[in-house]
Protein backbone atom coordinates (compact mmCIF):
# COMPACT_ATOMS: atom_id res chain seq x y z
CA MET A 1 19.33 -19.19 11.54
CA PRO A 2 15.59 -18.52 11.83
CA ASN A 3 13.95 -18.26 15.18
CA LYS A 4 13.65 -21.73 16.69
CA THR A 5 11.73 -20.60 19.71
CA ASN A 6 8.01 -20.95 19.70
CA LYS A 7 7.29 -18.83 22.73
CA LYS A 8 3.83 -17.35 22.28
CA GLN A 9 3.79 -13.61 21.77
CA PRO A 10 0.92 -11.48 23.08
CA LEU A 11 -2.04 -10.99 20.70
CA TYR A 12 -2.17 -7.25 21.40
CA VAL A 13 1.30 -6.91 19.84
CA ILE A 14 0.15 -7.96 16.36
CA LEU A 15 -2.95 -5.76 16.74
CA LEU A 16 -0.73 -2.81 17.58
CA LEU A 17 1.54 -3.67 14.66
CA ILE A 18 -1.45 -3.71 12.30
CA LEU A 19 -2.65 -0.36 13.62
CA ALA A 20 0.77 1.24 13.27
CA ALA A 21 1.58 -0.36 9.90
CA GLU A 22 -1.31 1.41 8.18
CA ALA A 23 -1.50 4.55 10.32
CA VAL A 24 1.93 5.64 9.11
CA PHE A 25 0.66 5.68 5.48
CA ILE A 26 -2.70 7.41 6.09
CA LEU A 27 -1.37 10.95 5.60
CA PRO A 28 0.83 10.34 2.53
CA PHE A 29 -1.58 8.05 0.67
CA VAL A 30 -4.96 7.06 2.13
CA LEU A 31 -6.42 10.56 2.47
CA GLN A 32 -5.57 11.25 -1.17
CA ARG A 33 -7.14 7.96 -2.24
CA ILE A 34 -10.41 8.78 -0.50
CA PHE A 35 -10.53 12.56 -1.03
CA ARG A 36 -8.64 12.85 -4.33
CA THR A 37 -10.65 15.67 -5.94
CA THR A 38 -11.01 17.50 -2.63
CA PHE A 39 -7.25 17.20 -2.11
CA THR A 40 -6.33 18.58 -5.53
CA GLU A 41 -8.92 21.39 -5.19
CA SER A 42 -7.77 22.32 -1.70
CA PHE A 43 -4.10 22.56 -2.73
CA SER A 44 -4.92 24.09 -6.14
CA ILE A 45 -2.88 21.44 -7.95
CA SER A 46 -3.49 19.15 -10.91
CA ASP A 47 -3.48 15.35 -10.86
CA THR A 48 -0.09 15.41 -12.60
CA GLN A 49 1.32 17.67 -9.89
CA LEU A 50 -0.06 15.35 -7.21
CA GLY A 51 1.64 12.49 -9.07
CA SER A 52 4.94 14.40 -8.94
CA CYS A 53 4.56 14.58 -5.14
CA PHE A 54 4.21 10.80 -5.04
CA SER A 55 7.33 10.63 -7.21
CA ALA A 56 9.28 12.68 -4.67
CA TYR A 57 8.15 10.18 -2.04
CA GLY A 58 9.12 7.24 -4.25
CA VAL A 59 12.64 8.48 -4.96
CA VAL A 60 13.45 8.86 -1.26
CA ALA A 61 11.69 5.56 -0.47
CA LEU A 62 13.75 3.73 -3.10
CA VAL A 63 17.00 4.64 -1.33
CA SER A 64 15.40 4.03 2.06
CA TYR A 65 14.47 0.42 1.24
CA LEU A 66 18.16 -0.33 0.71
CA PHE A 67 19.58 1.40 3.77
CA GLY A 68 16.74 1.16 6.30
CA GLY A 69 17.42 -2.50 7.12
CA PRO A 70 20.74 -2.09 8.97
CA LEU A 71 19.13 0.62 11.12
CA ALA A 72 16.41 -1.84 12.16
CA ASP A 73 19.14 -4.23 13.31
CA LYS A 74 20.68 -1.66 15.64
CA PHE A 75 17.54 -0.31 17.35
CA LYS A 76 14.44 -1.89 18.82
CA PRO A 77 11.33 -1.86 16.59
CA ASN A 78 9.20 0.08 19.08
CA LEU A 79 11.73 2.95 19.13
CA LEU A 80 12.09 3.29 15.35
CA MET A 81 8.37 2.82 14.65
CA SER A 82 7.25 5.30 17.29
CA VAL A 83 9.71 7.95 16.09
CA ALA A 84 8.53 7.37 12.50
CA LEU A 85 4.86 7.74 13.46
CA VAL A 86 5.42 10.92 15.44
CA MET A 87 7.55 12.47 12.69
CA THR A 88 4.95 11.49 10.07
CA ALA A 89 2.23 13.12 12.20
CA LEU A 90 4.28 16.32 12.46
CA GLY A 91 4.34 16.35 8.67
CA GLY A 92 0.55 16.06 8.76
CA PHE A 93 0.23 19.20 10.88
CA TYR A 94 2.35 20.99 8.29
CA LEU A 95 0.13 19.59 5.52
CA ALA A 96 -2.85 21.23 7.23
CA THR A 97 -1.28 24.66 6.58
CA TYR A 98 -1.71 24.04 2.82
CA PRO A 99 1.93 24.50 1.75
CA THR A 100 2.98 25.49 -1.76
CA LEU A 101 3.59 22.81 -4.40
CA THR A 102 7.38 23.06 -3.92
CA ASN A 103 7.05 22.54 -0.18
CA LEU A 104 4.54 19.75 -0.80
CA HIS A 105 7.24 17.94 -2.78
CA ILE A 106 9.65 18.38 0.12
CA LEU A 107 7.01 17.10 2.54
CA TYR A 108 6.45 13.95 0.47
CA GLY A 109 10.19 13.35 0.31
CA TYR A 110 10.28 13.73 4.09
CA TRP A 111 7.47 11.18 4.39
CA GLY A 112 9.46 8.79 2.18
CA PHE A 113 12.18 8.99 4.82
CA THR A 114 9.93 8.61 7.88
CA THR A 115 7.72 5.81 6.55
CA ILE A 116 10.37 3.69 4.82
CA PHE A 117 13.84 4.43 6.20
CA LEU A 118 12.68 4.58 9.82
CA PHE A 119 9.56 2.40 9.76
CA TRP A 120 9.38 -0.27 7.05
CA ALA A 121 12.21 -2.65 8.01
CA ALA A 122 11.45 -2.25 11.72
CA MET A 123 7.81 -3.20 11.10
CA ILE A 124 8.79 -6.27 9.04
CA LYS A 125 11.26 -7.30 11.73
CA ALA A 126 8.67 -6.91 14.49
CA THR A 127 6.14 -8.98 12.54
CA ARG A 128 8.69 -11.76 12.00
CA ILE A 129 9.48 -11.79 15.72
CA TRP A 130 5.77 -12.06 16.56
CA GLY A 131 5.27 -14.90 14.09
CA GLY A 132 8.16 -16.98 15.41
CA SER A 133 9.16 -20.10 13.49
CA GLU A 134 5.64 -21.49 12.95
CA LYS A 135 3.29 -18.54 12.37
CA GLN A 136 4.95 -16.45 9.66
CA GLY A 137 2.04 -16.90 7.25
CA ILE A 138 -0.53 -16.00 9.88
CA ALA A 139 1.51 -13.01 11.02
CA PHE A 140 1.90 -11.45 7.57
CA GLY A 141 -1.64 -12.45 6.56
CA PHE A 142 -3.05 -10.66 9.60
CA LEU A 143 -0.75 -7.71 8.95
CA ASP A 144 -1.90 -7.03 5.39
CA GLY A 145 -5.58 -7.82 5.94
CA GLY A 146 -5.63 -5.82 9.15
CA ARG A 147 -3.99 -2.85 7.45
CA GLY A 148 -6.88 -2.73 5.01
CA LEU A 149 -9.37 -2.61 7.87
CA VAL A 150 -7.43 0.14 9.64
CA ALA A 151 -7.30 2.18 6.42
CA ALA A 152 -11.05 1.72 5.95
CA LEU A 153 -11.76 2.83 9.52
CA PHE A 154 -9.56 5.90 9.13
CA GLY A 155 -11.33 6.61 5.85
CA SER A 156 -14.79 6.31 7.40
CA ILE A 157 -13.87 8.58 10.29
CA GLY A 158 -12.33 11.04 7.81
CA VAL A 159 -15.52 11.13 5.74
CA LEU A 160 -17.55 11.62 8.93
CA ILE A 161 -15.36 14.51 10.09
CA PHE A 162 -15.50 16.09 6.62
CA SER A 163 -19.30 15.86 6.54
CA LEU A 164 -19.62 17.27 10.07
CA PHE A 165 -17.78 20.43 9.06
CA ILE A 166 -19.90 20.85 5.93
CA THR A 167 -22.92 22.69 7.29
CA LYS A 168 -25.01 22.61 4.10
CA ASN A 169 -25.51 20.61 0.93
CA ILE A 170 -22.07 19.68 -0.40
CA GLU A 171 -22.99 20.93 -3.87
CA LEU A 172 -23.66 24.42 -2.49
CA THR A 173 -20.34 24.78 -0.67
CA SER A 174 -17.43 26.88 -1.88
CA ILE A 175 -13.88 25.61 -2.31
CA ASP A 176 -12.86 27.60 0.80
CA GLU A 177 -15.51 25.84 2.88
CA ARG A 178 -14.37 22.45 1.64
CA ARG A 179 -10.75 23.42 2.30
CA GLN A 180 -11.60 24.23 5.90
CA ALA A 181 -13.47 20.95 6.38
CA PHE A 182 -10.61 18.97 4.83
CA LYS A 183 -8.14 20.81 7.06
CA GLU A 184 -9.99 19.41 10.07
CA VAL A 185 -9.70 15.90 8.60
CA ILE A 186 -5.92 16.34 8.24
CA ILE A 187 -5.51 17.70 11.78
CA TYR A 188 -7.57 14.98 13.47
CA THR A 189 -5.76 12.31 11.44
CA SER A 190 -2.37 13.71 12.45
CA ILE A 191 -3.38 13.67 16.12
CA ALA A 192 -4.47 10.03 15.81
CA VAL A 193 -1.20 9.01 14.10
CA MET A 194 0.83 10.73 16.83
CA CYS A 195 -1.16 8.98 19.58
CA ILE A 196 -0.52 5.62 17.91
CA GLY A 197 3.19 6.49 17.90
CA PHE A 198 3.13 6.89 21.69
CA LEU A 199 1.21 3.61 22.09
CA VAL A 200 3.84 1.80 20.02
CA PHE A 201 6.69 3.24 22.09
CA PHE A 202 5.21 2.17 25.43
CA PHE A 203 3.41 -1.08 24.57
CA LEU A 204 5.15 -2.80 21.63
CA ARG A 205 6.99 -5.36 23.71
CA PHE A 206 7.79 -9.01 23.04
CA SER A 207 8.02 -12.05 25.30
CA GLN A 208 11.82 -12.43 25.23
CA HIS A 209 13.96 -13.15 22.14
CA GLU A 210 13.34 -9.69 20.70
CA LYS A 211 16.71 -9.70 18.95
CA ILE A 212 16.11 -12.94 17.08
CA HIS A 213 16.83 -12.66 13.32
CA SER A 214 19.12 -9.69 13.89
CA ASN A 215 22.35 -11.30 15.07
CA LYS A 216 23.63 -12.23 11.62
CA ILE A 217 21.66 -9.98 9.34
CA SER A 218 24.57 -7.59 8.84
CA LYS A 219 26.55 -10.56 7.49
CA LEU A 220 23.73 -11.51 5.15
CA VAL A 221 23.86 -8.23 3.22
CA THR A 222 26.85 -9.18 1.11
CA ILE A 223 27.85 -9.15 -2.56
CA ASN A 224 27.92 -12.95 -2.49
CA ASN A 225 24.33 -13.11 -1.34
CA PHE A 226 23.26 -10.69 -4.06
CA LYS A 227 25.01 -12.93 -6.58
CA GLU A 228 23.23 -15.93 -5.09
CA VAL A 229 19.84 -14.21 -5.34
CA LEU A 230 20.39 -13.18 -8.97
CA LYS A 231 20.72 -16.85 -9.95
CA TYR A 232 17.06 -17.52 -9.24
CA LYS A 233 14.63 -17.03 -12.13
CA ALA A 234 11.85 -16.68 -9.55
CA VAL A 235 13.44 -13.50 -8.18
CA TRP A 236 13.33 -11.77 -11.58
CA LEU A 237 9.77 -12.92 -12.26
CA LEU A 238 8.59 -11.84 -8.82
CA MET A 239 10.19 -8.44 -9.38
CA ILE A 240 8.01 -7.98 -12.49
CA ILE A 241 4.93 -9.40 -10.76
CA ILE A 242 5.19 -7.00 -7.81
CA LEU A 243 5.88 -4.01 -10.06
CA CYS A 244 2.77 -4.73 -12.17
CA ALA A 245 0.55 -5.66 -9.22
CA TYR A 246 1.65 -2.60 -7.26
CA TYR A 247 0.83 -0.40 -10.25
CA GLY A 248 -2.64 -1.98 -10.21
CA TYR A 249 -2.92 -1.23 -6.50
CA LYS A 250 -1.97 2.42 -7.10
CA MET A 251 -4.83 2.65 -9.62
CA THR A 252 -7.35 2.17 -6.81
CA ASP A 253 -6.48 5.79 -5.95
CA ILE A 254 -8.69 7.06 -8.79
CA PHE A 255 -11.87 5.06 -8.19
CA SER A 256 -13.29 7.88 -6.06
CA LYS A 257 -12.50 10.32 -8.88
CA TYR A 258 -14.22 8.01 -11.37
CA ALA A 259 -17.25 7.90 -9.09
CA GLU A 260 -17.44 11.70 -9.03
CA GLU A 261 -16.66 12.54 -12.64
CA VAL A 262 -18.25 9.61 -14.49
CA MET A 263 -20.87 8.23 -12.11
CA LEU A 264 -21.76 11.81 -11.04
CA TYR A 265 -21.59 11.12 -7.29
CA ASN A 266 -21.09 14.09 -4.97
CA LYS A 267 -17.83 14.51 -3.06
CA ILE A 268 -19.01 12.73 0.08
CA GLU A 269 -20.52 9.83 -1.89
CA SER A 270 -17.37 9.45 -4.01
CA ALA A 271 -15.19 9.48 -0.88
CA LYS A 272 -17.32 6.64 0.48
CA VAL A 273 -16.56 4.61 -2.67
CA GLY A 274 -12.85 4.79 -1.83
CA THR A 275 -13.65 3.74 1.74
CA TYR A 276 -15.79 0.76 0.68
CA LEU A 277 -12.88 -0.44 -1.46
CA LEU A 278 -10.67 -0.41 1.63
CA TYR A 279 -13.19 -2.46 3.62
CA MET A 280 -12.95 -5.20 1.01
CA ARG A 281 -9.20 -5.60 1.55
CA PRO A 282 -9.22 -7.52 4.87
CA VAL A 283 -12.07 -9.82 3.77
CA ILE A 284 -10.42 -10.66 0.45
CA GLY A 285 -6.99 -10.95 2.06
CA ILE A 286 -8.11 -13.53 4.62
CA LEU A 287 -10.18 -15.58 2.13
CA ILE A 288 -7.44 -15.61 -0.50
CA GLY A 289 -4.87 -16.51 2.15
CA LEU A 290 -6.94 -19.51 3.25
CA LEU A 291 -7.50 -20.62 -0.35
CA ALA A 292 -3.81 -20.23 -1.15
CA ASP A 293 -2.89 -22.45 1.80
CA LYS A 294 -5.14 -25.21 0.42
CA THR A 295 -3.98 -24.82 -3.20
CA ARG A 296 -1.03 -22.69 -4.38
CA ALA A 297 -0.25 -19.03 -3.91
CA THR A 298 0.97 -18.67 -7.49
CA LEU A 299 -2.38 -19.88 -8.82
CA TRP A 300 -4.23 -17.08 -7.04
CA ILE A 301 -1.75 -14.49 -8.27
CA VAL A 302 -2.55 -15.62 -11.84
CA ILE A 303 -6.28 -15.35 -11.11
CA GLY A 304 -5.74 -11.93 -9.55
CA PHE A 305 -3.96 -10.59 -12.63
CA LEU A 306 -6.63 -12.07 -14.92
CA LEU A 307 -9.32 -10.18 -13.00
CA MET A 308 -7.28 -6.95 -13.15
CA VAL A 309 -6.82 -7.30 -16.92
CA ILE A 310 -10.54 -7.86 -17.50
CA THR A 311 -11.61 -4.99 -15.23
CA SER A 312 -9.14 -2.48 -16.63
CA PHE A 313 -10.28 -3.40 -20.17
CA VAL A 314 -13.95 -2.88 -19.27
CA LEU A 315 -13.16 0.51 -17.73
CA TYR A 316 -10.95 1.45 -20.69
CA ILE A 317 -13.61 0.86 -23.37
CA GLY A 318 -15.99 3.17 -21.51
CA VAL A 319 -19.06 0.99 -21.17
CA ILE A 320 -19.56 2.10 -17.56
CA ASP A 321 -21.38 5.40 -17.09
CA ASN A 322 -23.81 6.90 -14.57
CA THR A 323 -26.64 4.67 -15.84
CA LYS A 324 -24.78 1.44 -15.02
CA THR A 325 -24.35 1.52 -11.26
CA LEU A 326 -24.40 -2.28 -10.90
CA LEU A 327 -21.62 -2.69 -13.46
CA PHE A 328 -19.59 -0.03 -11.64
CA VAL A 329 -20.03 -1.86 -8.33
CA LEU A 330 -19.04 -5.16 -9.97
CA SER A 331 -15.94 -3.56 -11.49
CA ILE A 332 -14.88 -2.32 -8.04
CA GLY A 333 -15.40 -5.81 -6.66
CA THR A 334 -13.42 -7.62 -9.37
CA MET A 335 -10.63 -5.03 -9.24
CA ALA A 336 -10.41 -5.40 -5.46
CA VAL A 337 -10.25 -9.20 -5.64
CA GLY A 338 -7.57 -9.01 -8.32
CA VAL A 339 -5.41 -6.34 -6.68
CA TYR A 340 -5.59 -7.71 -3.14
CA SER A 341 -5.07 -11.34 -4.23
CA ALA A 342 -1.74 -10.42 -5.77
CA ARG A 343 -0.81 -8.04 -2.95
CA VAL A 344 -1.45 -10.47 -0.09
CA LEU A 345 0.53 -13.27 -1.73
CA TYR A 346 3.57 -11.31 -2.98
CA PHE A 347 6.18 -13.01 -0.86
CA ALA A 348 4.28 -16.18 0.03
CA THR A 349 5.58 -17.49 -3.31
CA LEU A 350 9.22 -17.55 -2.18
CA GLU A 351 8.62 -20.87 -0.45
CA GLU A 352 7.13 -22.40 -3.60
CA ALA A 353 10.08 -21.15 -5.63
CA LYS A 354 12.53 -22.75 -3.14
CA ILE A 355 14.44 -19.55 -2.42
CA PRO A 356 16.84 -20.43 0.44
CA LEU A 357 15.79 -19.05 3.80
CA ALA A 358 19.32 -17.77 4.38
CA VAL A 359 19.00 -15.23 1.55
CA THR A 360 15.33 -14.35 2.01
CA GLY A 361 16.12 -10.87 3.36
CA THR A 362 18.45 -10.10 0.48
CA ALA A 363 15.90 -11.41 -2.02
CA VAL A 364 13.06 -9.35 -0.58
CA GLY A 365 15.19 -6.20 -0.49
CA PHE A 366 16.41 -6.67 -4.05
CA ILE A 367 12.90 -7.40 -5.35
CA SER A 368 11.44 -4.40 -3.50
CA ILE A 369 13.86 -1.91 -5.04
CA VAL A 370 12.34 -2.54 -8.48
CA GLY A 371 8.93 -3.86 -7.45
CA TYR A 372 7.88 -0.70 -5.63
CA THR A 373 9.10 1.78 -8.26
CA PRO A 374 5.46 2.61 -9.19
CA ASP A 375 5.68 4.92 -6.18
CA ILE A 376 7.85 7.07 -8.46
CA PHE A 377 6.02 6.93 -11.79
CA ALA A 378 2.45 5.64 -11.31
CA GLY A 379 1.09 8.94 -10.03
CA LEU A 380 2.73 10.86 -12.86
CA ILE A 381 1.33 8.55 -15.53
CA MET A 382 -2.18 8.64 -14.07
CA GLY A 383 -2.03 12.38 -13.59
CA TYR A 384 -0.84 12.98 -17.16
CA PHE A 385 -3.73 11.10 -18.76
CA ILE A 386 -6.36 12.49 -16.37
CA ASP A 387 -5.19 16.06 -16.99
CA ALA A 388 -4.70 15.61 -20.75
CA ASP A 389 -8.35 14.62 -21.28
CA LYS A 390 -10.66 15.81 -18.55
CA GLY A 391 -13.53 13.62 -17.42
CA ALA A 392 -14.30 10.10 -18.59
CA VAL A 393 -11.80 9.95 -21.48
CA GLY A 394 -8.76 10.71 -19.31
CA LEU A 395 -9.81 8.14 -16.72
CA GLN A 396 -10.44 5.52 -19.41
CA ASN A 397 -6.96 6.09 -20.86
CA ALA A 398 -5.44 5.74 -17.39
CA PHE A 399 -7.15 2.36 -17.00
CA GLY A 400 -5.89 1.41 -20.47
CA ILE A 401 -2.31 1.89 -19.27
CA MET A 402 -3.15 -0.24 -16.26
CA GLY A 403 -4.35 -2.94 -18.67
CA ILE A 404 -0.89 -3.02 -20.28
CA PHE A 405 0.86 -3.37 -16.91
CA THR A 406 -1.50 -6.07 -15.65
CA LEU A 407 -1.23 -8.01 -18.92
CA ILE A 408 2.56 -8.07 -18.49
CA GLY A 409 2.00 -9.16 -14.88
CA LEU A 410 -0.34 -11.94 -16.05
CA VAL A 411 2.32 -13.31 -18.41
CA ALA A 412 4.98 -13.11 -15.67
CA SER A 413 2.68 -14.81 -13.14
CA LEU A 414 1.90 -17.63 -15.59
CA LEU A 415 5.64 -18.16 -16.10
CA PHE A 416 6.13 -18.07 -12.32
CA TYR A 417 3.30 -20.61 -11.84
CA ARG A 418 4.91 -22.96 -14.39
CA HIS A 419 8.38 -22.43 -12.85
CA SER A 420 7.22 -23.12 -9.28
CA LYS A 421 5.24 -26.16 -10.43
CA MET A 422 8.44 -27.62 -11.87
CA LYS A 423 10.21 -26.87 -8.57
CA VAL A 424 7.50 -28.70 -6.61
CA ALA A 425 7.66 -31.63 -9.01
């Protein structure tokens, strides 16, 4: 049974959840998104090798999605989340020592364990508790939009720290000087993540009913429920939609690289491009959420995929170069609207598709196992094309592959829209 109590939970709890939910992913993902070329230079690795690190993360995460849930039912969210944050931060301090590629793979596998096995299910559980029976949409809407703002703030502070430790024109610095400046970014970020872990442990408390949703969850994870979930066409379509949309989201990792290599921005300016993209996430998330409430979530997923297809095609054909700044800015904007529209509304569609509430957890877990597999292969695919043809051509080919994924997602989302419309009728 869902939570029937409507006891108001403190506002600071959802704010702390938002802060923690993105902080735990700053070290494994956000720093690389903002400082991609600096990261690969500093570790003396190629884009393909960086992609293989993400794959190591994805493999561990894939198993963790399946088995992390029962752990979240045995321990309080604040305990699991705080331990995950502190352990992730410890990995950050190790990252600052610039480990070898082999050890970098091990570190990313370790992060797959800390961020997913220990953290993910506990964070989802805590958000559901905060939302109660009447504010689930608001809770998850705030969570995703707020995460974008937190990532953007971390990114801005990271760029500021990086620039403070660069004592001369960035173009005149050596790789060693940039390595030292980036090391400071990693260390300060790790300290911040650890501090957030302590805040979560001491202050993530709920107004009674903290164990709601957990009493029968162990009984829900059954073969019968998996069989029940597999009967729904919407589950299979949503699996494809999330896989394709998540691949599109992973492609935002290379916008800063595109800014540097094609638009000829310097390293600080290109890092700011990645940060600006993050600032768009909460704005788009809130606006799309409001529009979806007044229309249909599936409609905005279709629109999101359409925008991703158009943008990836424009970037693939190579019409954007350093003389077309406005077109580059517009492409970032349309890509952001497309990616974040789909991302915010992933699971809001379950209600439209009439998936029974009793098997929601099983459905989400089953969908996630396939939907988030781009963690394993997206980085490798991007890295392969970027390394195979240096500069603009490699980046264009990477966006061409994205076009294929998003086109498949567009077809799946159109089928989902038609299917859910029939359900409503």
